Amino acid sequence: MLKEKLLEDLKNSMKEKNEIRKNTIQMVRAAILQVEKDKGITLEDDKIIEIIAKETKKRKDRIRRL
């Protein structure tokens, strides 16, 4: 499942002291957890991918505005 993979990647990025990767994964995990908490559900991989795409689009839009 993607949530487990994200957690594993987060741990690895912390061990490697890769701050950008760590912060990115934390941002994605926070967005996933927020949706799960708001809706009271556990998201499946397809919905997690949608959230990642949405968060990516938000960041790209912000960069374009700069």
Protein backbone atom coordinates (compact mmCIF):
# COMPACT_ATOMS: atom_id res chain seq x y z
CA MET A 1 0.00 0.00 0.00
CA LEU A 2 1.21 3.50 -0.76
CA LYS A 3 0.92 4.75 2.82
CA GLU A 4 3.38 2.13 4.00
CA LYS A 5 5.73 2.95 1.14
CA LEU A 6 5.58 6.65 2.02
CA LEU A 7 6.38 5.87 5.65
CA GLU A 8 9.33 3.71 4.60
CA ASP A 9 10.58 6.44 2.25
CA LEU A 10 10.21 9.01 5.03
CA LYS A 11 12.34 6.93 7.38
CA ASN A 12 14.99 6.46 4.69
CA SER A 13 15.11 10.15 3.85
CA MET A 14 15.56 10.97 7.54
CA LYS A 15 18.42 8.48 7.80
CA GLU A 16 20.01 9.96 4.68
CA LYS A 17 19.41 13.51 5.99
CA ASN A 18 17.67 14.41 2.74
CA GLU A 19 15.60 17.38 3.95
CA ILE A 20 13.83 18.14 0.67
CA ARG A 21 12.65 14.56 0.22
CA LYS A 22 11.66 14.31 3.88
CA ASN A 23 9.64 17.53 3.76
CA THR A 24 7.92 16.51 0.54
CA ILE A 25 6.88 13.15 1.92
CA GLN A 26 5.67 14.75 5.15
CA MET A 27 3.57 17.20 3.13
CA VAL A 28 1.95 14.37 1.17
CA ARG A 29 1.33 12.28 4.28
CA ALA A 30 -0.24 15.27 6.03
CA ALA A 31 -2.61 15.84 3.10
CA ILE A 32 -3.60 12.16 3.11
CA LEU A 33 -4.16 12.10 6.87
CA GLN A 34 -6.21 15.30 6.71
CA VAL A 35 -8.59 13.84 4.11
CA GLU A 36 -8.89 10.62 6.10
CA LYS A 37 -9.62 12.54 9.29
CA ASP A 38 -12.12 14.91 7.68
CA LYS A 39 -14.06 12.15 5.96
CA GLY A 40 -13.57 9.49 8.63
CA ILE A 41 -12.32 6.95 6.09
CA THR A 42 -9.17 5.09 5.15
CA LEU A 43 -8.01 5.95 1.65
CA GLU A 44 -7.08 3.37 -0.93
CA ASP A 45 -4.12 3.74 -3.29
CA ASP A 46 -6.15 5.26 -6.15
CA LYS A 47 -7.42 8.09 -3.90
CA ILE A 48 -3.92 8.62 -2.50
CA ILE A 49 -2.62 9.05 -6.04
CA GLU A 50 -5.34 11.65 -6.64
CA ILE A 51 -4.24 13.56 -3.54
CA ILE A 52 -0.60 13.46 -4.63
CA ALA A 53 -1.60 14.79 -8.06
CA LYS A 54 -3.67 17.55 -6.47
CA GLU A 55 -0.83 18.60 -4.14
CA THR A 56 1.63 18.54 -7.04
CA LYS A 57 -0.64 20.78 -9.09
CA LYS A 58 -0.95 23.23 -6.18
CA ARG A 59 2.82 23.50 -5.87
CA LYS A 60 3.34 23.93 -9.62
CA ASP A 61 0.73 26.68 -9.72
CA ARG A 62 2.48 28.50 -6.86
CA ILE A 63 5.82 28.28 -8.63
CA ARG A 64 4.35 29.67 -11.84
CA ARG A 65 3.00 32.69 -9.92
CA LEU A 66 6.47 33.58 -8.69
